[in-house]
């Protein structure tokens, strides 16, 4: 196993591959628990959901748990002395474990999306594969410090999912959804737009200092992923503002309002 990982250039993955598999297994268990618990917690809503809609509910539950866990575990890494001393090639076991959990989530997400490609489309398969690829290369090690930075994008995910759940629970257009919507826009703008664009530039500056030590394929993969993700964040932010303005327009009935974001925005 170690020889294979070394040949792939993922030398530190030997300490974390079991955590990746364990994380994927836990994500599967959370989805199963959602199917058992949610009918009791939301007896007027969950049992009425059918097919892909019920499955989408369970996926949002898993997404919320992952986002909350990732942010809590990744935040201390922003001040990790070992990683701060070498933000490009530095390695820390705790950081590796955090990214292993995220890799496990995206491994589960990819497998789940493949199994249910008919319901959700091939786009989610590519999303899972691309996200998994970006984080798995951190085990070279590479950009472990900045991985924690971009996991901060997940700060907005719980509020986005709460907004989605409110739509399904018949709370569309209520004061509670308005409050959550304001928090969602504030957190999304702060974490993904302001902080995200600034740290993307900061990452680029530091990588350029050692660019001769970085394999070309990693430069291409991370550059493309960064540009695409930041572009999508700007687009999603615009669509959320547009949709929130429409749904809380007094001239429109609640029944005519579309969800803020019907599909889940992920890291």
Protein backbone atom coordinates (compact mmCIF):
# COMPACT_ATOMS: atom_id res chain seq x y z
CA UNK A 1 0.00 0.00 0.00
CA UNK A 2 2.73 2.48 0.99
CA UNK A 3 4.68 1.80 -2.22
CA UNK A 4 1.55 2.48 -4.29
CA UNK A 5 0.86 5.75 -2.48
CA UNK A 6 4.48 6.83 -2.87
CA UNK A 7 4.35 6.09 -6.60
CA UNK A 8 1.23 8.27 -6.85
CA UNK A 9 3.01 11.09 -5.03
CA UNK A 10 0.64 10.89 -2.06
CA UNK A 11 3.13 9.90 0.62
CA UNK A 12 1.21 11.18 3.66
CA UNK A 13 -2.01 9.46 2.61
CA UNK A 14 -0.67 6.31 4.32
CA UNK A 15 -1.64 7.91 7.64
CA UNK A 16 -5.16 8.91 6.59
CA UNK A 17 -6.67 6.51 4.03
CA UNK A 18 -8.59 4.66 6.74
CA UNK A 19 -10.13 7.97 7.90
CA UNK A 20 -11.30 8.64 4.34
CA UNK A 21 -13.07 5.28 4.19
CA UNK A 22 -14.48 5.76 7.69
CA UNK A 23 -15.79 9.21 6.80
CA UNK A 24 -17.53 7.87 3.68
CA UNK A 25 -19.11 5.11 5.79
CA UNK A 26 -20.32 7.63 8.41
CA UNK A 27 -21.88 9.78 5.68
CA UNK A 28 -23.81 6.74 4.50
CA UNK A 29 -24.96 6.06 8.07
CA UNK A 30 -26.10 9.67 8.51
CA UNK A 31 -28.25 9.34 5.40
CA UNK A 32 -29.78 6.15 6.79
CA UNK A 33 -30.41 7.84 10.15
CA UNK A 34 -32.10 10.73 8.38
CA UNK A 35 -34.51 8.27 6.78
CA UNK A 36 -35.32 6.86 10.24
CA UNK A 37 -35.46 10.04 12.32
CA UNK A 38 -36.93 12.67 9.99
CA UNK A 39 -40.35 10.99 9.62
CA UNK A 40 -40.73 11.35 13.40
CA UNK A 41 -39.36 14.90 13.59
CA UNK A 42 -41.32 16.17 10.57
CA UNK A 43 -44.39 13.89 10.29
CA UNK A 44 -46.34 16.43 8.22
CA UNK A 45 -43.61 16.96 5.63
CA UNK A 46 -41.06 14.19 5.24
CA UNK A 47 -43.50 11.26 4.59
CA UNK A 48 -45.10 13.28 1.78
CA UNK A 49 -41.81 13.62 -0.07
CA UNK A 50 -41.39 11.05 -2.81
CA UNK A 51 -38.46 9.69 -4.81
CA UNK A 52 -35.72 12.20 -5.57
CA UNK A 53 -37.28 14.86 -3.33
CA UNK A 54 -37.01 12.65 -0.24
CA UNK A 55 -33.51 11.58 -1.21
CA UNK A 56 -32.56 15.24 -1.70
CA UNK A 57 -33.75 15.96 1.85
CA UNK A 58 -31.47 13.25 3.23
CA UNK A 59 -28.53 14.53 1.16
CA UNK A 60 -29.05 18.00 2.64
CA UNK A 61 -28.89 16.49 6.12
CA UNK A 62 -25.53 14.86 5.33
CA UNK A 63 -24.30 18.09 3.75
CA UNK A 64 -25.22 20.11 6.84
CA UNK A 65 -23.42 17.72 9.19
CA UNK A 66 -20.31 17.71 6.99
CA UNK A 67 -20.21 21.49 6.60
CA UNK A 68 -20.61 22.13 10.33
CA UNK A 69 -17.99 19.52 11.26
CA UNK A 70 -15.50 20.73 8.64
CA UNK A 71 -15.66 24.36 9.74
CA UNK A 72 -15.28 23.50 13.43
CA UNK A 73 -12.27 21.25 12.78
CA UNK A 74 -10.61 23.42 10.11
CA UNK A 75 -10.79 26.77 11.93
CA UNK A 76 -7.87 26.03 14.35
CA UNK A 77 -5.71 25.15 11.33
CA UNK A 78 -5.73 28.80 10.28
CA UNK A 79 -3.33 29.41 13.19
CA UNK A 80 -1.43 26.12 13.02
CA UNK A 81 2.22 27.06 13.52
CA UNK A 82 3.61 24.14 11.51
CA UNK A 83 1.50 24.95 8.47
CA UNK A 84 2.06 28.69 8.78
CA UNK A 85 5.82 28.15 8.55
CA UNK A 86 5.39 26.43 5.17
CA UNK A 87 2.01 27.20 3.65
CA UNK A 88 2.72 25.34 0.40
CA UNK A 89 4.42 22.06 1.37
CA UNK A 90 3.92 21.94 5.15
CA UNK A 91 2.33 18.87 6.76
CA UNK A 92 0.46 18.38 10.02
CA UNK A 93 -1.26 15.14 11.06
CA UNK A 94 -4.35 16.89 12.45
CA UNK A 95 -4.75 18.86 9.20
CA UNK A 96 -4.46 15.60 7.27
CA UNK A 97 -7.25 14.09 9.34
CA UNK A 98 -9.52 17.08 8.68
CA UNK A 99 -8.99 16.81 4.93
CA UNK A 100 -9.43 13.04 5.11
CA UNK A 101 -12.91 13.61 6.55
CA UNK A 102 -13.69 15.97 3.68
CA UNK A 103 -12.26 13.51 1.12
CA UNK A 104 -14.47 10.84 2.64
CA UNK A 105 -17.51 13.07 2.26
CA UNK A 106 -16.75 13.74 -1.41
CA UNK A 107 -16.00 10.04 -1.99
CA UNK A 108 -19.44 9.22 -0.58
CA UNK A 109 -20.97 12.09 -2.58
CA UNK A 110 -19.44 10.79 -5.81
CA UNK A 111 -20.59 7.21 -5.25
CA UNK A 112 -24.05 8.39 -4.20
CA UNK A 113 -24.33 10.64 -7.27
CA UNK A 114 -23.31 7.79 -9.57
CA UNK A 115 -25.93 5.50 -7.99
CA UNK A 116 -28.62 8.16 -8.42
CA UNK A 117 -27.39 9.81 -11.62
CA UNK A 118 -30.82 9.35 -13.18
CA UNK A 119 -32.41 11.52 -10.47
CA UNK A 120 -29.71 14.18 -10.05
CA UNK A 121 -27.83 14.19 -13.36
CA UNK A 122 -24.18 13.75 -14.26
CA UNK A 123 -23.25 17.24 -13.04
CA UNK A 124 -23.17 16.11 -9.41
CA UNK A 125 -20.90 13.20 -10.35
CA UNK A 126 -18.36 15.60 -11.85
CA UNK A 127 -18.70 17.90 -8.86
CA UNK A 128 -17.92 15.09 -6.45
CA UNK A 129 -14.99 13.81 -8.51
CA UNK A 130 -13.45 17.27 -8.93
CA UNK A 131 -13.82 18.13 -5.25
CA UNK A 132 -12.36 14.78 -4.21
CA UNK A 133 -9.42 15.25 -6.58
CA UNK A 134 -8.59 18.72 -5.25
CA UNK A 135 -8.45 17.53 -1.65
CA UNK A 136 -6.74 14.19 -2.28
CA UNK A 137 -3.70 15.95 -3.78
CA UNK A 138 -3.17 17.75 -0.47
CA UNK A 139 -1.62 14.49 0.76
CA UNK A 140 1.54 15.02 -1.34
CA UNK A 141 1.57 17.20 0.91
CA UNK A 142 0.49 20.34 -0.96
CA UNK A 143 -1.45 23.44 0.17
CA UNK A 144 -2.52 21.94 3.50
CA UNK A 145 -2.65 25.40 5.06
CA UNK A 146 -4.83 26.84 2.30
CA UNK A 147 -7.14 23.84 2.43
CA UNK A 148 -8.38 25.10 5.79
CA UNK A 149 -8.89 28.53 4.26
CA UNK A 150 -11.17 27.24 1.52
CA UNK A 151 -13.06 24.96 3.89
CA UNK A 152 -14.31 28.23 5.42
CA UNK A 153 -16.55 28.45 2.36
CA UNK A 154 -18.68 25.85 4.15
CA UNK A 155 -19.73 28.50 6.68
CA UNK A 156 -22.60 29.41 4.35
CA UNK A 157 -23.78 25.86 3.66
CA UNK A 158 -25.82 25.29 6.87
CA UNK A 159 -27.76 28.53 6.28
CA UNK A 160 -28.32 27.61 2.64
CA UNK A 161 -29.64 24.20 3.69
CA UNK A 162 -31.84 25.74 6.40
CA UNK A 163 -33.34 27.94 3.70
CA UNK A 164 -34.00 24.86 1.59
CA UNK A 165 -35.60 23.00 4.52
CA UNK A 166 -37.83 26.01 5.25
CA UNK A 167 -39.21 25.84 1.72
CA UNK A 168 -40.12 22.20 2.22
CA UNK A 169 -41.63 22.89 5.68
CA UNK A 170 -44.00 25.55 4.36
CA UNK A 171 -42.07 28.47 5.82
CA UNK A 172 -41.41 30.18 2.49
CA UNK A 173 -41.64 33.96 2.76
CA UNK A 174 -41.89 34.02 6.57
CA UNK A 175 -39.95 36.34 8.86
CA UNK A 176 -37.86 33.37 9.95
CA UNK A 177 -36.78 32.67 6.39
CA UNK A 178 -36.08 36.36 5.85
CA UNK A 179 -33.78 36.44 8.88
CA UNK A 180 -32.02 33.28 7.72
CA UNK A 181 -31.77 34.73 4.21
CA UNK A 182 -30.06 37.88 5.45
CA UNK A 183 -27.60 35.79 7.49
CA UNK A 184 -27.02 33.52 4.46
CA UNK A 185 -26.21 36.44 2.15
CA UNK A 186 -23.96 38.06 4.75
CA UNK A 187 -22.00 34.88 5.49
CA UNK A 188 -21.83 33.87 1.82
CA UNK A 189 -20.53 37.29 0.78
CA UNK A 190 -18.03 37.47 3.65
CA UNK A 191 -16.70 33.90 3.45
CA UNK A 192 -16.89 33.07 -0.25
CA UNK A 193 -16.58 36.42 -2.01
CA UNK A 194 -14.47 38.74 0.15
CA UNK A 195 -12.38 36.21 2.07
CA UNK A 196 -12.35 33.73 -0.82
CA UNK A 197 -11.10 36.13 -3.50
CA UNK A 198 -8.52 37.66 -1.17
CA UNK A 199 -7.12 34.28 -0.12
CA UNK A 200 -7.12 33.06 -3.73
CA UNK A 201 -4.81 35.93 -4.62
CA UNK A 202 -2.73 35.26 -1.49
CA UNK A 203 -2.42 31.58 -2.46
CA UNK A 204 -1.35 32.52 -6.00
CA UNK A 205 1.35 34.85 -4.67
CA UNK A 206 2.86 32.19 -2.42
CA UNK A 207 2.71 29.41 -5.02
CA UNK A 208 4.49 31.63 -7.55
CA UNK A 209 7.43 31.90 -5.15
CA UNK A 210 8.05 28.14 -5.42
CA UNK A 211 6.40 27.44 -8.77
CA UNK A 212 9.50 25.61 -10.02
CA UNK A 213 8.92 22.99 -7.28
CA UNK A 214 5.26 22.37 -8.13
CA UNK A 215 4.31 19.77 -10.80
CA UNK A 216 2.59 21.29 -13.82
CA UNK A 217 -0.52 19.14 -13.50
CA UNK A 218 -1.14 20.46 -9.97
CA UNK A 219 -0.81 24.05 -11.15
CA UNK A 220 -3.36 23.37 -13.89
CA UNK A 221 -5.80 21.47 -11.64
CA UNK A 222 -5.78 23.98 -8.80
CA UNK A 223 -5.80 27.04 -11.07
CA UNK A 224 -8.79 25.82 -13.06
CA UNK A 225 -10.64 24.72 -9.91
CA UNK A 226 -10.01 28.08 -8.24
CA UNK A 227 -11.20 30.15 -11.20
CA UNK A 228 -14.30 28.00 -11.70
CA UNK A 229 -15.21 28.01 -8.01
CA UNK A 230 -14.83 31.77 -7.59
CA UNK A 231 -16.85 32.37 -10.75
CA UNK A 232 -19.60 30.08 -9.48
CA UNK A 233 -19.60 31.83 -6.09
CA UNK A 234 -20.18 35.19 -7.79
CA UNK A 235 -22.93 33.71 -9.95
CA UNK A 236 -24.62 31.95 -7.01
CA UNK A 237 -24.49 35.14 -4.92
CA UNK A 238 -26.18 37.08 -7.71
CA UNK A 239 -28.89 34.41 -8.10
CA UNK A 240 -29.54 34.31 -4.34
CA UNK A 241 -30.01 38.09 -4.19
CA UNK A 242 -32.31 37.95 -7.21
CA UNK A 243 -34.37 35.11 -5.79
CA UNK A 244 -34.65 36.57 -2.28
CA UNK A 245 -35.75 39.92 -3.70
CA UNK A 246 -38.41 38.13 -5.74
CA UNK A 247 -39.74 35.98 -2.93
CA UNK A 248 -40.09 38.82 -0.42
CA UNK A 249 -41.70 41.17 -2.94
CA UNK A 250 -45.09 42.08 -1.40
CA UNK A 251 -46.65 42.03 -4.87
CA UNK A 252 -46.03 38.32 -5.34
CA UNK A 253 -47.83 35.44 -3.70
CA UNK A 254 -45.87 32.84 -1.76
CA UNK A 255 -47.15 30.08 -4.01
CA UNK A 256 -45.51 31.78 -7.01
CA UNK A 257 -42.09 31.97 -5.41
CA UNK A 258 -39.30 29.69 -6.48
CA UNK A 259 -36.72 28.30 -4.05
CA UNK A 260 -33.62 30.43 -3.53
CA UNK A 261 -31.37 27.66 -4.77
CA UNK A 262 -33.12 24.40 -5.58
CA UNK A 263 -29.87 22.51 -5.99
CA UNK A 264 -27.31 22.43 -3.23
CA UNK A 265 -24.28 24.73 -3.45
CA UNK A 266 -21.27 22.72 -2.33
CA UNK A 267 -17.51 23.39 -1.79
